[in-house]
């Protein structure tokens, strides 16, 4: 497998994993990102590359950075997005998140 094929497979796997974490179908993701379901399927399967514009729309629909989808590395923008989500959490939710975070970071 050459670099491009591996890149497309890995990116597709990250898109698929995030979509499943959010509990949405390929069709729902396609609608949110204003792309076709066929494109989502092809990208998730590593069969097709996607333009930067479409990748940005997909990443927004998945609430994750395009950087992460392409590289698999958490960027500063990912951390910022997480912080933005936490702004609306209640005190009880923040305590639960804190406990869960401690458990995850010990892995």
PDB file of N, CA and C in Angstrom:
ATOM      1  N   UNK A   1       0.852  -1.174   0.000  1.00  0.00           N
ATOM      2  CA  UNK A   1       0.000   0.000   0.000  1.00  0.00           C
ATOM      3  C   UNK A   1       0.897   1.237   0.000  1.00  0.00           C
ATOM      4  N   UNK A   2       0.674   2.141  -0.947  1.00  0.00           N
ATOM      5  CA  UNK A   2       1.504   3.342  -0.997  1.00  0.00           C
ATOM      6  C   UNK A   2       0.986   4.396  -0.015  1.00  0.00           C
ATOM      7  N   UNK A   3       1.712   5.504   0.099  1.00  0.00           N
ATOM      8  CA  UNK A   3       1.389   6.552   1.071  1.00  0.00           C
ATOM      9  C   UNK A   3      -0.014   7.102   0.869  1.00  0.00           C
ATOM     10  N   UNK A   4      -0.391   7.391  -0.369  1.00  0.00           N
ATOM     11  CA  UNK A   4      -1.707   7.976  -0.643  1.00  0.00           C
ATOM     12  C   UNK A   4      -2.819   7.019  -0.244  1.00  0.00           C
ATOM     13  N   UNK A   5      -2.683   5.759  -0.584  1.00  0.00           N
ATOM     14  CA  UNK A   5      -3.705   4.772  -0.223  1.00  0.00           C
ATOM     15  C   UNK A   5      -3.834   4.662   1.302  1.00  0.00           C
ATOM     16  N   UNK A   6      -2.700   4.636   2.000  1.00  0.00           N
ATOM     17  CA  UNK A   6      -2.726   4.555   3.470  1.00  0.00           C
ATOM     18  C   UNK A   6      -3.364   5.806   4.055  1.00  0.00           C
ATOM     19  N   UNK A   7      -3.005   6.961   3.531  1.00  0.00           N
ATOM     20  CA  UNK A   7      -3.571   8.228   4.010  1.00  0.00           C
ATOM     21  C   UNK A   7      -5.094   8.220   3.864  1.00  0.00           C
ATOM     22  N   UNK A   8      -5.581   7.825   2.695  1.00  0.00           N
ATOM     23  CA  UNK A   8      -7.026   7.812   2.451  1.00  0.00           C
ATOM     24  C   UNK A   8      -7.733   6.796   3.351  1.00  0.00           C
ATOM     25  N   UNK A   9      -7.138   5.620   3.528  1.00  0.00           N
ATOM     26  CA  UNK A   9      -7.731   4.594   4.404  1.00  0.00           C
ATOM     27  C   UNK A   9      -7.794   5.094   5.850  1.00  0.00           C
ATOM     28  N   UNK A  10      -6.686   5.666   6.327  1.00  0.00           N
ATOM     29  CA  UNK A  10      -6.638   6.145   7.711  1.00  0.00           C
ATOM     30  C   UNK A  10      -7.626   7.291   7.932  1.00  0.00           C
ATOM     31  N   UNK A  11      -7.678   8.236   7.009  1.00  0.00           N
ATOM     32  CA  UNK A  11      -8.601   9.351   7.141  1.00  0.00           C
ATOM     33  C   UNK A  11     -10.043   8.843   7.112  1.00  0.00           C
ATOM     34  N   UNK A  12     -10.334   7.932   6.219  1.00  0.00           N
ATOM     35  CA  UNK A  12     -11.670   7.356   6.133  1.00  0.00           C
ATOM     36  C   UNK A  12     -12.070   6.650   7.412  1.00  0.00           C
ATOM     37  N   UNK A  13     -11.119   5.942   8.018  1.00  0.00           N
ATOM     38  CA  UNK A  13     -11.397   5.242   9.270  1.00  0.00           C
ATOM     39  C   UNK A  13     -11.699   6.233  10.392  1.00  0.00           C
ATOM     40  N   UNK A  14     -10.979   7.361  10.412  1.00  0.00           N
ATOM     41  CA  UNK A  14     -11.244   8.373  11.446  1.00  0.00           C
ATOM     42  C   UNK A  14     -12.610   9.022  11.250  1.00  0.00           C
ATOM     43  N   UNK A  15     -12.986   9.276   9.999  1.00  0.00           N
ATOM     44  CA  UNK A  15     -14.310   9.844   9.713  1.00  0.00           C
ATOM     45  C   UNK A  15     -15.387   8.870  10.146  1.00  0.00           C
ATOM     46  N   UNK A  16     -15.240   7.617   9.783  1.00  0.00           N
ATOM     47  CA  UNK A  16     -16.215   6.596  10.138  1.00  0.00           C
ATOM     48  C   UNK A  16     -16.338   6.445  11.655  1.00  0.00           C
ATOM     49  N   UNK A  17     -15.210   6.414  12.341  1.00  0.00           N
ATOM     50  CA  UNK A  17     -15.224   6.242  13.798  1.00  0.00           C
ATOM     51  C   UNK A  17     -15.926   7.414  14.485  1.00  0.00           C
ATOM     52  N   UNK A  18     -15.639   8.630  14.039  1.00  0.00           N
ATOM     53  CA  UNK A  18     -16.278   9.797  14.655  1.00  0.00           C
ATOM     54  C   UNK A  18     -17.775   9.821  14.351  1.00  0.00           C
ATOM     55  N   UNK A  19     -18.141   9.474  13.142  1.00  0.00           N
ATOM     56  CA  UNK A  19     -19.565   9.425  12.774  1.00  0.00           C
ATOM     57  C   UNK A  19     -20.298   8.426  13.664  1.00  0.00           C
ATOM     58  N   UNK A  20     -19.692   7.273  13.862  1.00  0.00           N
ATOM     59  CA  UNK A  20     -20.316   6.242  14.701  1.00  0.00           C
ATOM     60  C   UNK A  20     -20.376   6.684  16.159  1.00  0.00           C
ATOM     61  N   UNK A  21     -19.330   7.375  16.650  1.00  0.00           N
ATOM     62  CA  UNK A  21     -19.357   7.899  18.013  1.00  0.00           C
ATOM     63  C   UNK A  21     -20.531   8.854  18.201  1.00  0.00           C
ATOM     64  N   UNK A  22     -20.818   9.620  17.170  1.00  0.00           N
ATOM     65  CA  UNK A  22     -21.931  10.568  17.242  1.00  0.00           C
ATOM     66  C   UNK A  22     -23.281   9.891  17.022  1.00  0.00           C
ATOM     67  N   UNK A  23     -23.249   8.629  16.585  1.00  0.00           N
ATOM     68  CA  UNK A  23     -24.481   7.877  16.385  1.00  0.00           C
ATOM     69  C   UNK A  23     -25.295   8.336  15.192  1.00  0.00           C
ATOM     70  N   UNK A  24     -24.599   8.772  14.137  1.00  0.00           N
ATOM     71  CA  UNK A  24     -25.324   9.202  12.937  1.00  0.00           C
ATOM     72  C   UNK A  24     -24.972   8.315  11.745  1.00  0.00           C
ATOM     73  N   UNK A  25     -25.884   8.255  10.810  1.00  0.00           N
ATOM     74  CA  UNK A  25     -25.689   7.446   9.609  1.00  0.00           C
ATOM     75  C   UNK A  25     -24.847   8.208   8.588  1.00  0.00           C
ATOM     76  N   UNK A  26     -24.389   7.478   7.584  1.00  0.00           N
ATOM     77  CA  UNK A  26     -23.680   8.135   6.486  1.00  0.00           C
ATOM     78  C   UNK A  26     -24.597   9.144   5.809  1.00  0.00           C
ATOM     79  N   UNK A  27     -25.861   8.798   5.686  1.00  0.00           N
ATOM     80  CA  UNK A  27     -26.824   9.693   5.038  1.00  0.00           C
ATOM     81  C   UNK A  27     -26.998  10.979   5.840  1.00  0.00           C
ATOM     82  N   UNK A  28     -27.085  10.846   7.163  1.00  0.00           N
ATOM     83  CA  UNK A  28     -27.242  12.033   8.014  1.00  0.00           C
ATOM     84  C   UNK A  28     -25.996  12.911   7.944  1.00  0.00           C
ATOM     85  N   UNK A  29     -24.812  12.287   7.953  1.00  0.00           N
ATOM     86  CA  UNK A  29     -23.573  13.054   7.832  1.00  0.00           C
ATOM     87  C   UNK A  29     -23.529  13.773   6.492  1.00  0.00           C
ATOM     88  N   UNK A  30     -23.900  13.070   5.438  1.00  0.00           N
ATOM     89  CA  UNK A  30     -23.901  13.669   4.101  1.00  0.00           C
ATOM     90  C   UNK A  30     -24.814  14.892   4.062  1.00  0.00           C
ATOM     91  N   UNK A  31     -25.974  14.768   4.662  1.00  0.00           N
ATOM     92  CA  UNK A  31     -26.915  15.896   4.666  1.00  0.00           C
ATOM     93  C   UNK A  31     -26.347  17.076   5.447  1.00  0.00           C
ATOM     94  N   UNK A  32     -25.764  16.816   6.615  1.00  0.00           N
ATOM     95  CA  UNK A  32     -25.189  17.891   7.439  1.00  0.00           C
ATOM     96  C   UNK A  32     -24.023  18.576   6.734  1.00  0.00           C
ATOM     97  N   UNK A  33     -23.256  17.796   5.965  1.00  0.00           N
ATOM     98  CA  UNK A  33     -22.071  18.334   5.294  1.00  0.00           C
ATOM     99  C   UNK A  33     -22.369  18.811   3.873  1.00  0.00           C
ATOM    100  N   UNK A  34     -23.601  18.626   3.435  1.00  0.00           N
ATOM    101  CA  UNK A  34     -24.021  19.020   2.085  1.00  0.00           C
ATOM    102  C   UNK A  34     -23.166  18.341   1.006  1.00  0.00           C
ATOM    103  N   UNK A  35     -23.021  17.019   1.183  1.00  0.00           N
ATOM    104  CA  UNK A  35     -22.344  16.185   0.184  1.00  0.00           C
ATOM    105  C   UNK A  35     -23.231  14.966  -0.040  1.00  0.00           C
ATOM    106  N   UNK A  36     -22.873  14.137  -0.994  1.00  0.00           N
ATOM    107  CA  UNK A  36     -23.691  12.954  -1.270  1.00  0.00           C
ATOM    108  C   UNK A  36     -23.336  11.806  -0.317  1.00  0.00           C
ATOM    109  N   UNK A  37     -24.306  10.948  -0.022  1.00  0.00           N
ATOM    110  CA  UNK A  37     -24.004   9.764   0.782  1.00  0.00           C
ATOM    111  C   UNK A  37     -22.962   8.867   0.111  1.00  0.00           C
ATOM    112  N   UNK A  38     -22.962   8.854  -1.221  1.00  0.00           N
ATOM    113  CA  UNK A  38     -21.982   8.046  -1.954  1.00  0.00           C
ATOM    114  C   UNK A  38     -20.563   8.551  -1.691  1.00  0.00           C
ATOM    115  N   UNK A  39     -20.418   9.879  -1.587  1.00  0.00           N
ATOM    116  CA  UNK A  39     -19.095  10.435  -1.297  1.00  0.00           C
ATOM    117  C   UNK A  39     -18.648  10.012   0.105  1.00  0.00           C
ATOM    118  N   UNK A  40     -19.546  10.113   1.079  1.00  0.00           N
ATOM    119  CA  UNK A  40     -19.196   9.705   2.444  1.00  0.00           C
ATOM    120  C   UNK A  40     -18.757   8.246   2.460  1.00  0.00           C
ATOM    121  N   UNK A  41     -19.501   7.386   1.795  1.00  0.00           N
ATOM    122  CA  UNK A  41     -19.152   5.965   1.751  1.00  0.00           C
ATOM    123  C   UNK A  41     -17.777   5.758   1.113  1.00  0.00           C
ATOM    124  N   UNK A  42     -17.537   6.413  -0.009  1.00  0.00           N
ATOM    125  CA  UNK A  42     -16.256   6.243  -0.707  1.00  0.00           C
ATOM    126  C   UNK A  42     -15.093   6.770   0.127  1.00  0.00           C
ATOM    127  N   UNK A  43     -15.298   7.898   0.802  1.00  0.00           N
ATOM    128  CA  UNK A  43     -14.234   8.469   1.631  1.00  0.00           C
ATOM    129  C   UNK A  43     -13.977   7.579   2.844  1.00  0.00           C
ATOM    130  N   UNK A  44     -15.046   7.125   3.507  1.00  0.00           N
ATOM    131  CA  UNK A  44     -14.867   6.253   4.674  1.00  0.00           C
ATOM    132  C   UNK A  44     -14.151   4.954   4.314  1.00  0.00           C
ATOM    133  N   UNK A  45     -14.343   4.484   3.112  1.00  0.00           N
ATOM    134  CA  UNK A  45     -13.702   3.255   2.672  1.00  0.00           C
ATOM    135  C   UNK A  45     -12.321   3.481   2.054  1.00  0.00           C
ATOM    136  N   UNK A  46     -11.873   4.734   2.048  1.00  0.00           N
ATOM    137  CA  UNK A  46     -10.549   5.051   1.529  1.00  0.00           C
ATOM    138  C   UNK A  46     -10.424   4.912   0.028  1.00  0.00           C
ATOM    139  N   UNK A  47     -11.559   4.973  -0.660  1.00  0.00           N
ATOM    140  CA  UNK A  47     -11.577   4.780  -2.113  1.00  0.00           C
ATOM    141  C   UNK A  47     -11.394   6.098  -2.847  1.00  0.00           C
ATOM    142  N   UNK A  48     -11.797   7.182  -2.211  1.00  0.00           N
ATOM    143  CA  UNK A  48     -11.819   8.463  -2.901  1.00  0.00           C
ATOM    144  C   UNK A  48     -11.266   9.566  -2.020  1.00  0.00           C
ATOM    145  N   UNK A  49     -10.506  10.466  -2.639  1.00  0.00           N
ATOM    146  CA  UNK A  49     -10.043  11.668  -1.952  1.00  0.00           C
ATOM    147  C   UNK A  49     -11.190  12.671  -1.932  1.00  0.00           C
ATOM    148  N   UNK A  50     -11.050  13.681  -1.116  1.00  0.00           N
ATOM    149  CA  UNK A  50     -12.093  14.679  -0.990  1.00  0.00           C
ATOM    150  C   UNK A  50     -11.445  16.060  -1.048  1.00  0.00           C
ATOM    151  N   UNK A  51     -12.145  17.020  -1.631  1.00  0.00           N
ATOM    152  CA  UNK A  51     -11.606  18.376  -1.730  1.00  0.00           C
ATOM    153  C   UNK A  51     -11.511  19.002  -0.342  1.00  0.00           C
ATOM    154  N   UNK A  52     -10.684  20.016  -0.212  1.00  0.00           N
ATOM    155  CA  UNK A  52     -10.529  20.675   1.084  1.00  0.00           C
ATOM    156  C   UNK A  52     -11.845  21.289   1.549  1.00  0.00           C
ATOM    157  N   UNK A  53     -12.626  21.827   0.629  1.00  0.00           N
ATOM    158  CA  UNK A  53     -13.920  22.411   0.983  1.00  0.00           C
ATOM    159  C   UNK A  53     -14.852  21.353   1.562  1.00  0.00           C
ATOM    160  N   UNK A  54     -14.934  20.219   0.925  1.00  0.00           N
ATOM    161  CA  UNK A  54     -15.816  19.146   1.410  1.00  0.00           C
ATOM    162  C   UNK A  54     -15.286  18.548   2.705  1.00  0.00           C
ATOM    163  N   UNK A  55     -13.972  18.422   2.827  1.00  0.00           N
ATOM    164  CA  UNK A  55     -13.397  17.905   4.065  1.00  0.00           C
ATOM    165  C   UNK A  55     -13.721  18.851   5.219  1.00  0.00           C
ATOM    166  N   UNK A  56     -13.638  20.136   4.985  1.00  0.00           N
ATOM    167  CA  UNK A  56     -13.969  21.114   6.022  1.00  0.00           C
ATOM    168  C   UNK A  56     -15.435  20.967   6.439  1.00  0.00           C
ATOM    169  N   UNK A  57     -16.332  20.815   5.478  1.00  0.00           N
ATOM    170  CA  UNK A  57     -17.754  20.660   5.799  1.00  0.00           C
ATOM    171  C   UNK A  57     -18.011  19.362   6.561  1.00  0.00           C
ATOM    172  N   UNK A  58     -17.317  18.303   6.170  1.00  0.00           N
ATOM    173  CA  UNK A  58     -17.456  17.025   6.885  1.00  0.00           C
ATOM    174  C   UNK A  58     -16.948  17.173   8.310  1.00  0.00           C
ATOM    175  N   UNK A  59     -15.811  17.802   8.477  1.00  0.00           N
ATOM    176  CA  UNK A  59     -15.243  17.963   9.823  1.00  0.00           C
ATOM    177  C   UNK A  59     -16.163  18.798  10.705  1.00  0.00           C
ATOM    178  N   UNK A  60     -16.757  19.842  10.152  1.00  0.00           N
ATOM    179  CA  UNK A  60     -17.700  20.671  10.929  1.00  0.00           C
ATOM    180  C   UNK A  60     -18.914  19.850  11.341  1.00  0.00           C
ATOM    181  N   UNK A  61     -19.415  19.044  10.430  1.00  0.00           N
ATOM    182  CA  UNK A  61     -20.587  18.206  10.727  1.00  0.00           C
ATOM    183  C   UNK A  61     -20.267  17.166  11.802  1.00  0.00           C
ATOM    184  N   UNK A  62     -18.994  16.758  11.865  1.00  0.00           N
ATOM    185  CA  UNK A  62     -18.569  15.770  12.857  1.00  0.00           C
ATOM    186  C   UNK A  62     -18.071  16.410  14.156  1.00  0.00           C
ATOM    187  N   UNK A  63     -18.039  17.744  14.203  1.00  0.00           N
ATOM    188  CA  UNK A  63     -17.578  18.475  15.397  1.00  0.00           C
ATOM    189  C   UNK A  63     -16.142  18.107  15.759  1.00  0.00           C
ATOM    190  N   UNK A  64     -15.301  18.060  14.743  1.00  0.00           N
ATOM    191  CA  UNK A  64     -13.893  17.709  14.941  1.00  0.00           C
ATOM    192  C   UNK A  64     -13.086  18.432  13.872  1.00  0.00           C
ATOM    193  N   UNK A  65     -11.820  18.646  14.116  1.00  0.00           N
ATOM    194  CA  UNK A  65     -11.025  19.411  13.155  1.00  0.00           C
ATOM    195  C   UNK A  65     -10.639  18.579  11.926  1.00  0.00           C
ATOM    196  N   UNK A  66     -10.482  19.281  10.826  1.00  0.00           N
ATOM    197  CA  UNK A  66      -9.987  18.631   9.612  1.00  0.00           C
ATOM    198  C   UNK A  66      -8.554  18.145   9.836  1.00  0.00           C
ATOM    199  N   UNK A  67      -7.801  18.865  10.664  1.00  0.00           N
ATOM    200  CA  UNK A  67      -6.430  18.442  11.002  1.00  0.00           C
ATOM    201  C   UNK A  67      -6.434  17.032  11.581  1.00  0.00           C
ATOM    202  N   UNK A  68      -7.343  16.789  12.530  1.00  0.00           N
ATOM    203  CA  UNK A  68      -7.402  15.468  13.142  1.00  0.00           C
ATOM    204  C   UNK A  68      -7.802  14.411  12.110  1.00  0.00           C
ATOM    205  N   UNK A  69      -8.782  14.728  11.283  1.00  0.00           N
ATOM    206  CA  UNK A  69      -9.223  13.750  10.283  1.00  0.00           C
ATOM    207  C   UNK A  69      -8.086  13.372   9.348  1.00  0.00           C
ATOM    208  N   UNK A  70      -7.238  14.346   9.000  1.00  0.00           N
ATOM    209  CA  UNK A  70      -6.135  14.064   8.084  1.00  0.00           C
ATOM    210  C   UNK A  70      -4.943  13.413   8.769  1.00  0.00           C
ATOM    211  N   UNK A  71      -4.605  13.862   9.976  1.00  0.00           N
ATOM    212  CA  UNK A  71      -3.361  13.404  10.604  1.00  0.00           C
ATOM    213  C   UNK A  71      -3.548  12.413  11.742  1.00  0.00           C
ATOM    214  N   UNK A  72      -4.716  12.424  12.355  1.00  0.00           N
ATOM    215  CA  UNK A  72      -4.926  11.582  13.523  1.00  0.00           C
ATOM    216  C   UNK A  72      -4.344  12.177  14.786  1.00  0.00           C
ATOM    217  N   UNK A  73      -3.814  13.393  14.683  1.00  0.00           N
ATOM    218  CA  UNK A  73      -3.225  14.061  15.838  1.00  0.00           C
ATOM    219  C   UNK A  73      -4.149  15.157  16.336  1.00  0.00           C
ATOM    220  N   UNK A  74      -4.235  15.281  17.645  1.00  0.00           N
ATOM    221  CA  UNK A  74      -5.075  16.312  18.247  1.00  0.00           C
ATOM    222  C   UNK A  74      -4.350  17.647  18.121  1.00  0.00           C
ATOM    223  N   UNK A  75      -5.050  18.626  17.583  1.00  0.00           N
ATOM    224  CA  UNK A  75      -4.464  19.949  17.382  1.00  0.00           C
ATOM    225  C   UNK A  75      -4.984  20.926  18.424  1.00  0.00           C
ATOM    226  N   UNK A  76      -4.426  22.107  18.428  1.00  0.00           N
ATOM    227  CA  UNK A  76      -4.891  23.152  19.334  1.00  0.00           C
ATOM    228  C   UNK A  76      -6.349  23.499  19.059  1.00  0.00           C
ATOM    229  N   UNK A  77      -6.755  23.426  17.791  1.00  0.00           N
ATOM    230  CA  UNK A  77      -8.160  23.725  17.479  1.00  0.00           C
ATOM    231  C   UNK A  77      -9.096  22.673  18.051  1.00  0.00           C
ATOM    232  N   UNK A  78      -8.642  21.413  18.111  1.00  0.00           N
ATOM    233  CA  UNK A  78      -9.445  20.355  18.746  1.00  0.00           C
ATOM    234  C   UNK A  78      -9.623  20.660  20.227  1.00  0.00           C
ATOM    235  N   UNK A  79      -8.546  21.078  20.869  1.00  0.00           N
ATOM    236  CA  UNK A  79      -8.614  21.412  22.289  1.00  0.00           C
ATOM    237  C   UNK A  79      -9.544  22.604  22.514  1.00  0.00           C
ATOM    238  N   UNK A  80      -9.480  23.567  21.610  1.00  0.00           N
ATOM    239  CA  UNK A  80     -10.361  24.733  21.707  1.00  0.00           C
ATOM    240  C   UNK A  80     -11.821  24.314  21.581  1.00  0.00           C
ATOM    241  N   UNK A  81     -12.115  23.439  20.608  1.00  0.00           N
ATOM    242  CA  UNK A  81     -13.491  22.975  20.421  1.00  0.00           C
ATOM    243  C   UNK A  81     -14.001  22.253  21.663  1.00  0.00           C
ATOM    244  N   UNK A  82     -13.152  21.470  22.289  1.00  0.00           N
ATOM    245  CA  UNK A  82     -13.543  20.788  23.514  1.00  0.00           C
ATOM    246  C   UNK A  82     -13.842  21.794  24.617  1.00  0.00           C
ATOM    247  N   UNK A  83     -13.007  22.791  24.725  1.00  0.00           N
ATOM    248  CA  UNK A  83     -13.232  23.836  25.715  1.00  0.00           C
ATOM    249  C   UNK A  83     -14.545  24.567  25.488  1.00  0.00           C
ATOM    250  N   UNK A  84     -14.870  24.809  24.227  1.00  0.00           N
ATOM    251  CA  UNK A  84     -16.130  25.474  23.891  1.00  0.00           C
ATOM    252  C   UNK A  84     -17.327  24.632  24.321  1.00  0.00           C
ATOM    253  N   UNK A  85     -17.229  23.330  24.130  1.00  0.00           N
ATOM    254  CA  UNK A  85     -18.319  22.439  24.543  1.00  0.00           C
ATOM    255  C   UNK A  85     -18.511  22.477  26.055  1.00  0.00           C
ATOM    256  N   UNK A  86     -17.411  22.568  26.785  1.00  0.00           N
ATOM    257  CA  UNK A  86     -17.480  22.533  28.238  1.00  0.00           C
ATOM    258  C   UNK A  86     -18.093  23.797  28.835  1.00  0.00           C
ATOM    259  N   UNK A  87     -18.102  24.876  28.089  1.00  0.00           N
ATOM    260  CA  UNK A  87     -18.655  26.135  28.594  1.00  0.00           C
ATOM    261  C   UNK A  87     -20.129  26.018  28.957  1.00  0.00           C
ATOM    262  N   UNK A  88     -20.835  25.126  28.301  1.00  0.00           N
ATOM    263  CA  UNK A  88     -22.266  24.974  28.546  1.00  0.00           C
ATOM    264  C   UNK A  88     -22.602  23.870  29.533  1.00  0.00           C
ATOM    265  N   UNK A  89     -21.586  23.226  30.100  1.00  0.00           N
ATOM    266  CA  UNK A  89     -21.824  22.121  31.024  1.00  0.00           C
ATOM    267  C   UNK A  89     -22.183  22.653  32.410  1.00  0.00           C
ATOM    268  N   UNK A  90     -23.040  21.919  33.084  1.00  0.00           N
ATOM    269  CA  UNK A  90     -23.409  22.262  34.462  1.00  0.00           C
ATOM    270  C   UNK A  90     -22.284  21.833  35.403  1.00  0.00           C
ATOM    271  N   UNK A  91     -22.369  22.256  36.643  1.00  0.00           N
ATOM    272  CA  UNK A  91     -21.369  21.868  37.633  1.00  0.00           C
ATOM    273  C   UNK A  91     -21.334  20.351  37.804  1.00  0.00           C
ATOM    274  N   UNK A  92     -22.499  19.740  37.818  1.00  0.00           N
ATOM    275  CA  UNK A  92     -22.586  18.279  37.948  1.00  0.00           C
ATOM    276  C   UNK A  92     -21.942  17.586  36.747  1.00  0.00           C
ATOM    277  N   UNK A  93     -22.205  18.095  35.559  1.00  0.00           N
ATOM    278  CA  UNK A  93     -21.611  17.512  34.354  1.00  0.00           C
ATOM    279  C   UNK A  93     -20.093  17.683  34.363  1.00  0.00           C
ATOM    280  N   UNK A  94     -19.614  18.844  34.793  1.00  0.00           N
ATOM    281  CA  UNK A  94     -18.171  19.078  34.842  1.00  0.00           C
ATOM    282  C   UNK A  94     -17.486  18.134  35.821  1.00  0.00           C
ATOM    283  N   UNK A  95     -18.135  17.846  36.947  1.00  0.00           N
ATOM    284  CA  UNK A  95     -17.565  16.898  37.899  1.00  0.00           C
ATOM    285  C   UNK A  95     -17.463  15.508  37.275  1.00  0.00           C
ATOM    286  N   UNK A  96     -18.503  15.103  36.556  1.00  0.00           N
ATOM    287  CA  UNK A  96     -18.486  13.794  35.892  1.00  0.00           C
ATOM    288  C   UNK A  96     -17.408  13.755  34.815  1.00  0.00           C
ATOM    289  N   UNK A  97     -17.301  14.821  34.056  1.00  0.00           N
ATOM    290  CA  UNK A  97     -16.282  14.901  33.000  1.00  0.00           C
ATOM    291  C   UNK A  97     -14.892  14.834  33.617  1.00  0.00           C
ATOM    292  N   UNK A  98     -14.693  15.507  34.732  1.00  0.00           N
ATOM    293  CA  UNK A  98     -13.406  15.498  35.417  1.00  0.00           C
ATOM    294  C   UNK A  98     -13.027  14.083  35.843  1.00  0.00           C
ATOM    295  N   UNK A  99     -13.975  13.343  36.403  1.00  0.00           N
ATOM    296  CA  UNK A  99     -13.713  11.972  36.837  1.00  0.00           C
ATOM    297  C   UNK A  99     -13.397  11.070  35.646  1.00  0.00           C
ATOM    298  N   UNK A 100     -14.168  11.220  34.584  1.00  0.00           N
ATOM    299  CA  UNK A 100     -13.947  10.410  33.380  1.00  0.00           C
ATOM    300  C   UNK A 100     -12.585  10.723  32.771  1.00  0.00           C
ATOM    301  N   UNK A 101     -12.238  11.995  32.748  1.00  0.00           N
ATOM    302  CA  UNK A 101     -10.951  12.412  32.194  1.00  0.00           C
ATOM    303  C   UNK A 101      -9.808  11.799  32.989  1.00  0.00           C
ATOM    304  N   UNK A 102      -9.918  11.817  34.314  1.00  0.00           N
ATOM    305  CA  UNK A 102      -8.877  11.201  35.143  1.00  0.00           C
ATOM    306  C   UNK A 102      -8.699   9.722  34.812  1.00  0.00           C
ATOM    307  N   UNK A 103      -9.796   9.016  34.642  1.00  0.00           N
ATOM    308  CA  UNK A 103      -9.745   7.588  34.317  1.00  0.00           C
ATOM    309  C   UNK A 103      -9.075   7.375  32.963  1.00  0.00           C
ATOM    310  N   UNK A 104      -9.472   8.159  31.984  1.00  0.00           N
ATOM    311  CA  UNK A 104      -8.909   8.008  30.629  1.00  0.00           C
ATOM    312  C   UNK A 104      -7.429   8.324  30.608  1.00  0.00           C
ATOM    313  N   UNK A 105      -7.015   9.367  31.305  1.00  0.00           N
ATOM    314  CA  UNK A 105      -5.615   9.763  31.286  1.00  0.00           C
ATOM    315  C   UNK A 105      -4.711   8.761  32.006  1.00  0.00           C
ATOM    316  N   UNK A 106      -5.273   7.913  32.842  1.00  0.00           N
ATOM    317  CA  UNK A 106      -4.498   6.876  33.513  1.00  0.00           C
ATOM    318  C   UNK A 106      -4.261   5.665  32.634  1.00  0.00           C
ATOM    319  N   UNK A 107      -4.979   5.561  31.502  1.00  0.00           N
ATOM    320  CA  UNK A 107      -4.834   4.404  30.607  1.00  0.00           C
ATOM    321  C   UNK A 107      -3.481   4.388  29.935  1.00  0.00           C
TER     322      UNK A 107
END
